[in-house]
C-alpha atoms as a PDB file:
ATOM      1  CA  HIS A   1       9.486   9.962  89.423  1.00  0.00           C
ATOM      2  CA  GLU A   2       9.420   7.497  86.526  1.00  0.00           C
ATOM      3  CA  ARG A   3      10.312   7.818  82.887  1.00  0.00           C
ATOM      4  CA  LEU A   4       7.861   7.091  80.221  1.00  0.00           C
ATOM      5  CA  VAL A   5       8.913   4.762  77.420  1.00  0.00           C
ATOM      6  CA  GLY A   6       8.057   5.584  73.849  1.00  0.00           C
ATOM      7  CA  SER A   7       4.822   3.813  73.432  1.00  0.00           C
ATOM      8  CA  GLU A   8       3.409   5.143  76.616  1.00  0.00           C
ATOM      9  CA  MET A   9       4.253   8.615  75.270  1.00  0.00           C
ATOM     10  CA  CYS A  10       2.648   7.918  72.138  1.00  0.00           C
ATOM     11  CA  ILE A  11      -0.686   6.883  74.019  1.00  0.00           C
ATOM     12  CA  ARG A  12      -0.300   9.881  76.366  1.00  0.00           C
ATOM     13  CA  ASP A  13      -0.013  12.421  73.192  1.00  0.00           C
ATOM     14  CA  ARG A  14      -2.670  10.573  71.302  1.00  0.00           C
ATOM     15  CA  LEU A  15      -5.155  11.113  74.160  1.00  0.00           C
ATOM     16  CA  TYR A  16      -4.212  14.790  74.574  1.00  0.00           C
ATOM     17  CA  ILE A  17      -4.752  15.079  70.825  1.00  0.00           C
ATOM     18  CA  LYS A  18      -8.260  13.599  70.915  1.00  0.00           C
ATOM     19  CA  ILE A  19      -9.254  15.640  73.891  1.00  0.00           C
ATOM     20  CA  LEU A  20      -7.831  18.644  72.353  1.00  0.00           C
ATOM     21  CA  GLY A  21      -9.868  17.646  68.982  1.00  0.00           C
ATOM     22  CA  MET A  22     -12.914  17.132  70.986  1.00  0.00           C
ATOM     23  CA  LEU A  23     -12.823  20.464  72.589  1.00  0.00           C
ATOM     24  CA  LEU A  24     -12.216  22.232  69.273  1.00  0.00           C
ATOM     25  CA  VAL A  25     -15.044  20.321  67.560  1.00  0.00           C
ATOM     26  CA  VAL A  26     -17.468  20.949  70.674  1.00  0.00           C
ATOM     27  CA  THR A  27     -16.399  25.039  70.454  1.00  0.00           C
ATOM     28  CA  ALA A  28     -16.704  25.345  66.605  1.00  0.00           C
ATOM     29  CA  SER A  29     -20.261  23.865  66.823  1.00  0.00           C
ATOM     30  CA  TYR A  30     -21.304  26.260  69.396  1.00  0.00           C
ATOM     31  CA  GLY A  31     -19.776  29.161  67.296  1.00  0.00           C
ATOM     32  CA  ILE A  32     -21.704  27.936  64.447  1.00  0.00           C
ATOM     33  CA  GLY A  33     -24.877  28.055  66.242  1.00  0.00           C
ATOM     34  CA  LYS A  34     -23.861  31.621  67.810  1.00  0.00           C
ATOM     35  CA  THR A  35     -23.221  33.009  64.620  1.00  0.00           C
ATOM     36  CA  ILE A  36     -26.921  31.891  63.261  1.00  0.00           C
ATOM     37  CA  GLY A  37     -27.852  33.740  66.196  1.00  0.00           C
ATOM     38  CA  VAL A  38     -26.103  36.998  65.255  1.00  0.00           C
ATOM     39  CA  TYR A  39     -27.304  37.088  61.848  1.00  0.00           C
ATOM     40  CA  GLN A  40     -31.147  37.315  63.301  1.00  0.00           C
ATOM     41  CA  ASN A  41     -29.791  39.907  65.935  1.00  0.00           C
ATOM     42  CA  ARG A  42     -28.621  41.787  62.832  1.00  0.00           C
ATOM     43  CA  ARG A  43     -32.158  41.793  61.120  1.00  0.00           C
ATOM     44  CA  VAL A  44     -33.405  43.240  64.376  1.00  0.00           C
ATOM     45  CA  GLU A  45     -31.163  46.015  64.732  1.00  0.00           C
ATOM     46  CA  ASP A  46     -31.908  46.731  61.042  1.00  0.00           C
ATOM     47  CA  ILE A  47     -35.387  46.981  61.516  1.00  0.00           C
ATOM     48  CA  TYR A  48     -34.918  49.112  64.829  1.00  0.00           C
ATOM     49  CA  GLU A  49     -32.808  51.452  62.731  1.00  0.00           C
ATOM     50  CA  LEU A  50     -35.890  51.730  60.082  1.00  0.00           C
ATOM     51  CA  LEU A  51     -38.223  52.481  62.863  1.00  0.00           C
ATOM     52  CA  ILE A  52     -36.315  55.430  64.102  1.00  0.00           C
ATOM     53  CA  PHE A  53     -36.011  56.978  60.510  1.00  0.00           C
ATOM     54  CA  VAL A  54     -39.833  56.744  60.129  1.00  0.00           C
ATOM     55  CA  ARG A  55     -40.566  58.206  63.414  1.00  0.00           C
ATOM     56  CA  MET A  56     -37.841  60.951  62.728  1.00  0.00           C
ATOM     57  CA  ALA A  57     -39.397  61.621  59.409  1.00  0.00           C
ATOM     58  CA  ASN A  58     -42.892  61.599  60.691  1.00  0.00           C
ATOM     59  CA  GLY A  59     -42.010  64.255  62.942  1.00  0.00           C
ATOM     60  CA  HIS A  60     -40.273  66.373  60.464  1.00  0.00           C
ATOM     61  CA  LEU A  61     -43.248  66.192  58.116  1.00  0.00           C
ATOM     62  CA  ALA A  62     -45.851  66.869  60.963  1.00  0.00           C
ATOM     63  CA  TYR A  63     -44.001  69.772  62.799  1.00  0.00           C
ATOM     64  CA  SER A  64     -41.525  71.345  60.259  1.00  0.00           C
ATOM     65  CA  ALA A  65     -42.658  70.366  56.834  1.00  0.00           C
ATOM     66  CA  SER A  66     -39.000  69.742  55.891  1.00  0.00           C
ATOM     67  CA  GLU A  67     -38.143  68.427  52.480  1.00  0.00           C
ATOM     68  CA  ILE A  68     -38.050  64.732  52.153  1.00  0.00           C
ATOM     69  CA  THR A  69     -34.418  64.722  51.052  1.00  0.00           C
ATOM     70  CA  GLU A  70     -33.452  66.824  53.805  1.00  0.00           C
ATOM     71  CA  ILE A  71     -35.170  64.364  56.165  1.00  0.00           C
ATOM     72  CA  ILE A  72     -33.381  61.404  54.443  1.00  0.00           C
ATOM     73  CA  ARG A  73     -30.172  63.174  55.196  1.00  0.00           C
ATOM     74  CA  GLU A  74     -30.920  63.734  58.932  1.00  0.00           C
ATOM     75  CA  GLY A  75     -32.269  60.399  59.158  1.00  0.00           C
ATOM     76  CA  SER A  76     -28.907  58.981  58.266  1.00  0.00           C
ATOM     77  CA  ASP A  77     -27.626  60.731  61.269  1.00  0.00           C
ATOM     78  CA  LYS A  78     -30.236  59.593  63.462  1.00  0.00           C
ATOM     79  CA  ALA A  79     -30.689  55.717  62.389  1.00  0.00           C
ATOM     80  CA  GLY A  80     -26.984  55.080  62.248  1.00  0.00           C
ATOM     81  CA  GLY A  81     -25.647  51.406  61.230  1.00  0.00           C
ATOM     82  CA  ARG A  82     -26.473  49.846  58.220  1.00  0.00           C
ATOM     83  CA  ILE A  83     -29.923  51.618  57.598  1.00  0.00           C
ATOM     84  CA  GLY A  84     -27.872  54.910  58.084  1.00  0.00           C
ATOM     85  CA  ASP A  85     -25.259  54.164  55.735  1.00  0.00           C
ATOM     86  CA  TRP A  86     -27.967  53.343  53.081  1.00  0.00           C
ATOM     87  CA  LEU A  87     -29.829  56.669  53.814  1.00  0.00           C
ATOM     88  CA  ALA A  88     -26.525  58.573  53.713  1.00  0.00           C
ATOM     89  CA  GLY A  89     -25.942  56.981  50.191  1.00  0.00           C
ATOM     90  CA  LEU A  90     -29.466  57.878  49.105  1.00  0.00           C
ATOM     91  CA  ALA A  91     -28.991  61.475  50.283  1.00  0.00           C
ATOM     92  CA  LEU A  92     -26.042  61.672  48.368  1.00  0.00           C
ATOM     93  CA  GLN A  93     -27.518  60.481  45.090  1.00  0.00           C
ATOM     94  CA  PHE A  94     -30.331  62.981  45.979  1.00  0.00           C
ATOM     95  CA  ARG A  95     -27.745  65.836  45.871  1.00  0.00           C
ATOM     96  CA  THR A  96     -25.818  64.574  42.861  1.00  0.00           C
ATOM     97  CA  GLU A  97     -28.822  63.701  40.830  1.00  0.00           C
ATOM     98  CA  GLU A  98     -31.128  66.442  41.808  1.00  0.00           C
ATOM     99  CA  TYR A  99     -33.512  66.571  38.927  1.00  0.00           C
ATOM    100  CA  ALA A 100     -32.188  63.923  36.538  1.00  0.00           C
ATOM    101  CA  SER A 101     -34.165  61.327  38.033  1.00  0.00           C
ATOM    102  CA  SER A 102     -37.504  61.231  40.199  1.00  0.00           C
ATOM    103  CA  PHE A 103     -37.581  60.422  43.774  1.00  0.00           C
ATOM    104  CA  GLU A 104     -39.058  57.179  43.127  1.00  0.00           C
ATOM    105  CA  GLN A 105     -36.683  56.100  40.632  1.00  0.00           C
ATOM    106  CA  ILE A 106     -33.452  57.086  43.132  1.00  0.00           C
ATOM    107  CA  TRP A 107     -35.394  55.545  45.908  1.00  0.00           C
ATOM    108  CA  THR A 108     -35.928  52.366  44.146  1.00  0.00           C
ATOM    109  CA  GLY A 109     -32.489  52.407  42.406  1.00  0.00           C
ATOM    110  CA  SER A 110     -31.017  52.380  45.949  1.00  0.00           C
ATOM    111  CA  ILE A 111     -32.697  49.311  47.177  1.00  0.00           C
ATOM    112  CA  GLY A 112     -30.310  46.931  45.631  1.00  0.00           C
ATOM    113  CA  SER A 113     -27.538  48.499  47.890  1.00  0.00           C
ATOM    114  CA  LEU A 114     -30.079  47.979  51.010  1.00  0.00           C
ATOM    115  CA  MET A 115     -30.467  44.296  50.124  1.00  0.00           C
ATOM    116  CA  GLU A 116     -26.795  43.720  50.033  1.00  0.00           C
ATOM    117  CA  TYR A 117     -25.571  45.398  52.950  1.00  0.00           C
ATOM    118  CA  SER A 118     -28.669  44.863  55.304  1.00  0.00           C
ATOM    119  CA  TYR A 119     -30.014  41.834  56.940  1.00  0.00           C
ATOM    120  CA  LEU A 120     -33.764  42.425  56.015  1.00  0.00           C
ATOM    121  CA  THR A 121     -35.881  39.757  54.530  1.00  0.00           C
ATOM    122  CA  ASP A 122     -37.474  40.237  50.949  1.00  0.00           C
ATOM    123  CA  ALA A 123     -40.323  41.141  52.539  1.00  0.00           C
ATOM    124  CA  GLN A 124     -39.163  43.793  54.728  1.00  0.00           C
ATOM    125  CA  ILE A 125     -37.024  45.207  51.614  1.00  0.00           C
ATOM    126  CA  GLY A 126     -40.296  45.132  49.482  1.00  0.00           C
ATOM    127  CA  ALA A 127     -42.146  47.260  52.404  1.00  0.00           C
ATOM    128  CA  VAL A 128     -39.254  49.704  52.273  1.00  0.00           C
ATOM    129  CA  LYS A 129     -39.561  49.834  48.484  1.00  0.00           C
ATOM    130  CA  GLU A 130     -43.233  50.802  48.827  1.00  0.00           C
ATOM    131  CA  LEU A 131     -42.436  53.287  51.343  1.00  0.00           C
ATOM    132  CA  GLY A 132     -40.509  55.250  48.672  1.00  0.00           C
ATOM    133  CA  LYS A 133     -43.077  54.914  46.119  1.00  0.00           C
ATOM    134  CA  TRP A 134     -45.743  56.800  47.960  1.00  0.00           C
ATOM    135  CA  LEU A 135     -43.474  58.773  50.314  1.00  0.00           C
ATOM    136  CA  CYS A 136     -43.349  62.000  48.094  1.00  0.00           C
ATOM    137  CA  TYR A 137     -46.409  61.516  45.825  1.00  0.00           C
ATOM    138  CA  MET A 138     -49.265  62.611  48.340  1.00  0.00           C
ATOM    139  CA  ASP A 139     -50.072  65.517  50.382  1.00  0.00           C
ATOM    140  CA  ILE A 140     -48.474  66.314  53.903  1.00  0.00           C
ATOM    141  CA  ASP A 141     -51.323  64.673  55.792  1.00  0.00           C
ATOM    142  CA  MET A 142     -51.546  61.370  53.706  1.00  0.00           C
ATOM    143  CA  GLN A 143     -47.872  61.005  53.926  1.00  0.00           C
ATOM    144  CA  ILE A 144     -47.943  61.206  57.864  1.00  0.00           C
ATOM    145  CA  ARG A 145     -50.940  58.964  57.815  1.00  0.00           C
ATOM    146  CA  ASN A 146     -49.127  56.465  55.666  1.00  0.00           C
ATOM    147  CA  LEU A 147     -45.923  56.694  57.680  1.00  0.00           C
ATOM    148  CA  LYS A 148     -47.781  56.013  60.924  1.00  0.00           C
ATOM    149  CA  LEU A 149     -49.422  52.771  59.410  1.00  0.00           C
ATOM    150  CA  TRP A 150     -46.223  51.797  57.938  1.00  0.00           C
ATOM    151  CA  GLU A 151     -44.516  52.500  61.261  1.00  0.00           C
ATOM    152  CA  GLN A 152     -47.014  50.556  63.172  1.00  0.00           C
ATOM    153  CA  ASN A 153     -46.811  47.671  60.585  1.00  0.00           C
ATOM    154  CA  MET A 154     -43.001  47.817  61.182  1.00  0.00           C
ATOM    155  CA  GLN A 155     -43.300  47.990  64.658  1.00  0.00           C
ATOM    156  CA  THR A 156     -45.238  44.806  64.985  1.00  0.00           C
ATOM    157  CA  GLU A 157     -42.684  43.097  62.595  1.00  0.00           C
ATOM    158  CA  TYR A 158     -39.705  44.403  64.903  1.00  0.00           C
ATOM    159  CA  GLU A 159     -41.539  42.728  68.022  1.00  0.00           C
ATOM    160  CA  GLU A 160     -41.833  39.326  66.047  1.00  0.00           C
ATOM    161  CA  GLN A 161     -38.378  39.362  64.865  1.00  0.00           C
ATOM    162  CA  LYS A 162     -37.119  40.383  68.491  1.00  0.00           C
ATOM    163  CA  ASP A 163     -39.005  37.361  69.936  1.00  0.00           C
ATOM    164  CA  ARG A 164     -37.807  35.143  67.047  1.00  0.00           C
ATOM    165  CA  ALA A 165     -34.300  36.411  67.488  1.00  0.00           C
ATOM    166  CA  HIS A 166     -34.285  35.211  71.171  1.00  0.00           C
ATOM    167  CA  ARG A 167     -35.764  31.968  70.482  1.00  0.00           C
ATOM    168  CA  ILE A 168     -33.398  31.480  67.807  1.00  0.00           C
ATOM    169  CA  ASN A 169     -30.205  32.375  69.666  1.00  0.00           C
ATOM    170  CA  LYS A 170     -31.354  29.858  72.368  1.00  0.00           C
ATOM    171  CA  VAL A 171     -31.957  26.999  69.873  1.00  0.00           C
ATOM    172  CA  SER A 172     -28.823  27.476  67.796  1.00  0.00           C
ATOM    173  CA  ARG A 173     -26.539  27.839  70.519  1.00  0.00           C
ATOM    174  CA  SER A 174     -27.913  24.574  72.317  1.00  0.00           C
ATOM    175  CA  LEU A 175     -28.199  22.826  68.793  1.00  0.00           C
ATOM    176  CA  GLY A 176     -24.544  23.765  68.053  1.00  0.00           C
ATOM    177  CA  LEU A 177     -23.110  22.632  71.520  1.00  0.00           C
ATOM    178  CA  LEU A 178     -25.310  19.452  71.185  1.00  0.00           C
ATOM    179  CA  GLY A 179     -24.178  18.835  67.820  1.00  0.00           C
ATOM    180  CA  GLY A 180     -20.609  19.113  68.858  1.00  0.00           C
ATOM    181  CA  ILE A 181     -21.042  16.647  71.414  1.00  0.00           C
ATOM    182  CA  PHE A 182     -22.654  14.033  68.860  1.00  0.00           C
ATOM    183  CA  LEU A 183     -19.890  14.601  66.655  1.00  0.00           C
ATOM    184  CA  ILE A 184     -17.315  13.743  69.519  1.00  0.00           C
ATOM    185  CA  ILE A 185     -19.390  10.671  70.299  1.00  0.00           C
ATOM    186  CA  LEU A 186     -19.440   9.576  66.542  1.00  0.00           C
ATOM    187  CA  ILE A 187     -15.532  10.348  66.367  1.00  0.00           C
ATOM    188  CA  GLY A 188     -14.762   8.845  69.661  1.00  0.00           C
END
């Protein structure tokens, strides 16, 4: 067993540090790509939670004629996630403000928190805002028809975003990995 002299140990240690650095760069680049994909997946989850709420609301309006505030409270439990949290906050506002503000004012006022905590796009947030504007101002039949139309539009959006998320996940992970390898080549 030979002993290494000082300069040989420095060369060996530099090589180990370089290899470790390369692995860290590749791992970090891949992680960045993965994070981009996670963001898109969360958007898909939020749309799905909205669909759960709208389907539930539609059923309640059609078969039990429940008050919209009760539908929102129950919808917060059914939808879950970030949308469920937003609906729970909205239901609480309805209970505390009761007649101080109109339904539309409370709904529209809550959109800021939806924008802050959800991963929905501005267009999707706009669709949710519009939903609240007409939700309470039509007769039951018109509300049900509009909810079904809104649900169809959001279902189409959901399918598009789900497909987009799949593509973005593949591309972002691949580009992250390739970017890391490219950085290693540049550094090395």
